[in-house]
Amino acid sequence: MSKFVYLYTGGTASQSEMSEEESKQVMQAWMDWLGAMGDHVIDVGNPFGASAAVNGGARANASGYTIVDAASLEEAVEHAKGCPIFRNPSGNVEVYEALAM
């Protein structure tokens, strides 16, 4: 098994733009999806807040991360296909293998 990082981009709505009920539904969708992956989830991760580019380069629209365990990149991608971020047309998941050092 290998570790893979899901880097979420886009797909975020400001908490102030959602009702309390909508916010609860979004959180529940994430918890259901992560729960369905069971032991594959190593670190449920967190959303990102403010960011800066240190070297002045372009910044990705990263909105959060999760770390999972999978047998292959293909398996990690299959798990990612159910991510609730896809409910938002701008949402995406980039999948990166975390290489052992």
C-alpha atoms as a PDB file:
ATOM      1  CA  MET A   1       0.000   0.000   0.000  1.00  0.00           C
ATOM      2  CA  SER A   2       1.088   3.566  -0.717  1.00  0.00           C
ATOM      3  CA  LYS A   3       0.041   6.959   0.588  1.00  0.00           C
ATOM      4  CA  PHE A   4      -1.778   9.338  -1.720  1.00  0.00           C
ATOM      5  CA  VAL A   5      -2.695  12.972  -1.160  1.00  0.00           C
ATOM      6  CA  TYR A   6      -5.998  14.322  -2.422  1.00  0.00           C
ATOM      7  CA  LEU A   7      -5.528  18.008  -3.130  1.00  0.00           C
ATOM      8  CA  TYR A   8      -8.906  19.678  -3.462  1.00  0.00           C
ATOM      9  CA  THR A   9      -9.234  22.677  -5.742  1.00  0.00           C
ATOM     10  CA  GLY A  10     -12.203  24.969  -6.207  1.00  0.00           C
ATOM     11  CA  GLY A  11     -15.594  23.816  -5.113  1.00  0.00           C
ATOM     12  CA  THR A  12     -15.798  25.948  -2.003  1.00  0.00           C
ATOM     13  CA  ALA A  13     -18.586  28.209  -0.949  1.00  0.00           C
ATOM     14  CA  SER A  14     -18.249  30.704   1.825  1.00  0.00           C
ATOM     15  CA  GLN A  15     -19.905  29.612   5.048  1.00  0.00           C
ATOM     16  CA  SER A  16     -21.705  32.949   4.999  1.00  0.00           C
ATOM     17  CA  GLU A  17     -23.264  31.997   1.646  1.00  0.00           C
ATOM     18  CA  MET A  18     -24.816  28.810   3.082  1.00  0.00           C
ATOM     19  CA  SER A  19     -27.628  28.356   5.514  1.00  0.00           C
ATOM     20  CA  GLU A  20     -26.925  26.366   8.662  1.00  0.00           C
ATOM     21  CA  GLU A  21     -28.856  23.445   7.161  1.00  0.00           C
ATOM     22  CA  GLU A  22     -26.870  23.582   3.902  1.00  0.00           C
ATOM     23  CA  SER A  23     -23.623  23.692   5.856  1.00  0.00           C
ATOM     24  CA  LYS A  24     -24.680  20.609   7.861  1.00  0.00           C
ATOM     25  CA  GLN A  25     -25.620  18.756   4.665  1.00  0.00           C
ATOM     26  CA  VAL A  26     -22.266  19.533   3.064  1.00  0.00           C
ATOM     27  CA  MET A  27     -20.369  18.374   6.170  1.00  0.00           C
ATOM     28  CA  GLN A  28     -22.459  15.193   6.334  1.00  0.00           C
ATOM     29  CA  ALA A  29     -21.728  14.400   2.666  1.00  0.00           C
ATOM     30  CA  TRP A  30     -17.992  14.705   3.371  1.00  0.00           C
ATOM     31  CA  MET A  31     -18.202  12.543   6.502  1.00  0.00           C
ATOM     32  CA  ASP A  32     -20.251   9.890   4.648  1.00  0.00           C
ATOM     33  CA  TRP A  33     -17.744   9.776   1.782  1.00  0.00           C
ATOM     34  CA  LEU A  34     -14.720   9.613   4.077  1.00  0.00           C
ATOM     35  CA  GLY A  35     -16.446   7.024   6.263  1.00  0.00           C
ATOM     36  CA  ALA A  36     -17.187   4.838   3.249  1.00  0.00           C
ATOM     37  CA  MET A  37     -13.445   4.617   2.548  1.00  0.00           C
ATOM     38  CA  GLY A  38     -12.884   3.140   6.016  1.00  0.00           C
ATOM     39  CA  ASP A  39      -9.291   2.253   6.846  1.00  0.00           C
ATOM     40  CA  HIS A  40      -8.049   3.732   3.566  1.00  0.00           C
ATOM     41  CA  VAL A  41      -8.274   7.192   5.172  1.00  0.00           C
ATOM     42  CA  ILE A  42      -5.017   8.003   6.981  1.00  0.00           C
ATOM     43  CA  ASP A  43      -5.735  11.695   7.631  1.00  0.00           C
ATOM     44  CA  VAL A  44      -9.154  13.205   6.891  1.00  0.00           C
ATOM     45  CA  GLY A  45      -7.331  16.495   6.346  1.00  0.00           C
ATOM     46  CA  ASN A  46      -8.640  20.015   6.600  1.00  0.00           C
ATOM     47  CA  PRO A  47      -9.800  22.863   4.418  1.00  0.00           C
ATOM     48  CA  PHE A  48      -7.242  25.563   3.683  1.00  0.00           C
ATOM     49  CA  GLY A  49      -7.501  29.189   4.731  1.00  0.00           C
ATOM     50  CA  ALA A  50      -5.401  32.132   3.604  1.00  0.00           C
ATOM     51  CA  SER A  51      -2.401  31.400   1.381  1.00  0.00           C
ATOM     52  CA  ALA A  52       0.582  33.108  -0.226  1.00  0.00           C
ATOM     53  CA  ALA A  53       3.088  32.291  -2.964  1.00  0.00           C
ATOM     54  CA  VAL A  54       6.571  32.566  -1.480  1.00  0.00           C
ATOM     55  CA  ASN A  55       8.490  32.885  -4.733  1.00  0.00           C
ATOM     56  CA  GLY A  56       5.943  35.089  -6.487  1.00  0.00           C
ATOM     57  CA  GLY A  57       4.734  32.321  -8.786  1.00  0.00           C
ATOM     58  CA  ALA A  58       1.166  31.485  -9.611  1.00  0.00           C
ATOM     59  CA  ARG A  59      -0.869  29.835  -6.861  1.00  0.00           C
ATOM     60  CA  ALA A  60      -3.186  26.898  -7.322  1.00  0.00           C
ATOM     61  CA  ASN A  61      -6.752  27.284  -6.158  1.00  0.00           C
ATOM     62  CA  ALA A  62      -6.163  24.646  -3.440  1.00  0.00           C
ATOM     63  CA  SER A  63      -8.983  24.392  -0.932  1.00  0.00           C
ATOM     64  CA  GLY A  64      -7.954  21.422   1.241  1.00  0.00           C
ATOM     65  CA  TYR A  65      -6.447  17.945   1.441  1.00  0.00           C
ATOM     66  CA  THR A  66      -6.933  14.346   2.589  1.00  0.00           C
ATOM     67  CA  ILE A  67      -4.357  11.538   2.819  1.00  0.00           C
ATOM     68  CA  VAL A  68      -5.385   7.986   1.905  1.00  0.00           C
ATOM     69  CA  ASP A  69      -3.788   4.564   1.649  1.00  0.00           C
ATOM     70  CA  ALA A  70      -4.290   2.666  -1.619  1.00  0.00           C
ATOM     71  CA  ALA A  71      -2.691  -0.184  -3.547  1.00  0.00           C
ATOM     72  CA  SER A  72      -2.202   1.954  -6.666  1.00  0.00           C
ATOM     73  CA  LEU A  73      -2.790   5.353  -8.199  1.00  0.00           C
ATOM     74  CA  GLU A  74      -5.749   3.864 -10.048  1.00  0.00           C
ATOM     75  CA  GLU A  75      -7.347   2.691  -6.781  1.00  0.00           C
ATOM     76  CA  ALA A  76      -6.776   6.111  -5.182  1.00  0.00           C
ATOM     77  CA  VAL A  77      -8.423   7.780  -8.199  1.00  0.00           C
ATOM     78  CA  GLU A  78     -11.417   5.408  -7.957  1.00  0.00           C
ATOM     79  CA  HIS A  79     -11.943   6.362  -4.304  1.00  0.00           C
ATOM     80  CA  ALA A  80     -11.695  10.055  -5.205  1.00  0.00           C
ATOM     81  CA  LYS A  81     -14.486   9.819  -7.794  1.00  0.00           C
ATOM     82  CA  GLY A  82     -17.113   9.871  -5.030  1.00  0.00           C
ATOM     83  CA  CYS A  83     -15.851  13.099  -3.475  1.00  0.00           C
ATOM     84  CA  PRO A  84     -18.586  15.604  -2.572  1.00  0.00           C
ATOM     85  CA  ILE A  85     -16.496  18.450  -4.041  1.00  0.00           C
ATOM     86  CA  PHE A  86     -17.815  17.411  -7.460  1.00  0.00           C
ATOM     87  CA  ARG A  87     -21.262  18.724  -6.485  1.00  0.00           C
ATOM     88  CA  ASN A  88     -19.788  22.121  -7.288  1.00  0.00           C
ATOM     89  CA  PRO A  89     -18.908  22.534 -10.995  1.00  0.00           C
ATOM     90  CA  SER A  90     -15.573  24.167 -10.097  1.00  0.00           C
ATOM     91  CA  GLY A  91     -14.582  21.359  -7.708  1.00  0.00           C
ATOM     92  CA  ASN A  92     -11.730  18.985  -8.527  1.00  0.00           C
ATOM     93  CA  VAL A  93      -9.461  16.473  -6.823  1.00  0.00           C
ATOM     94  CA  GLU A  94      -5.820  16.129  -7.813  1.00  0.00           C
ATOM     95  CA  VAL A  95      -4.317  12.817  -6.667  1.00  0.00           C
ATOM     96  CA  TYR A  96      -0.598  12.669  -5.820  1.00  0.00           C
ATOM     97  CA  GLU A  97       1.408   9.681  -4.633  1.00  0.00           C
ATOM     98  CA  ALA A  98       3.448  10.564  -1.531  1.00  0.00           C
ATOM     99  CA  LEU A  99       6.812   8.896  -2.098  1.00  0.00           C
ATOM    100  CA  ALA A 100       8.667   7.341   0.833  1.00  0.00           C
ATOM    101  CA  MET A 101      11.973   9.019   1.655  1.00  0.00           C
END
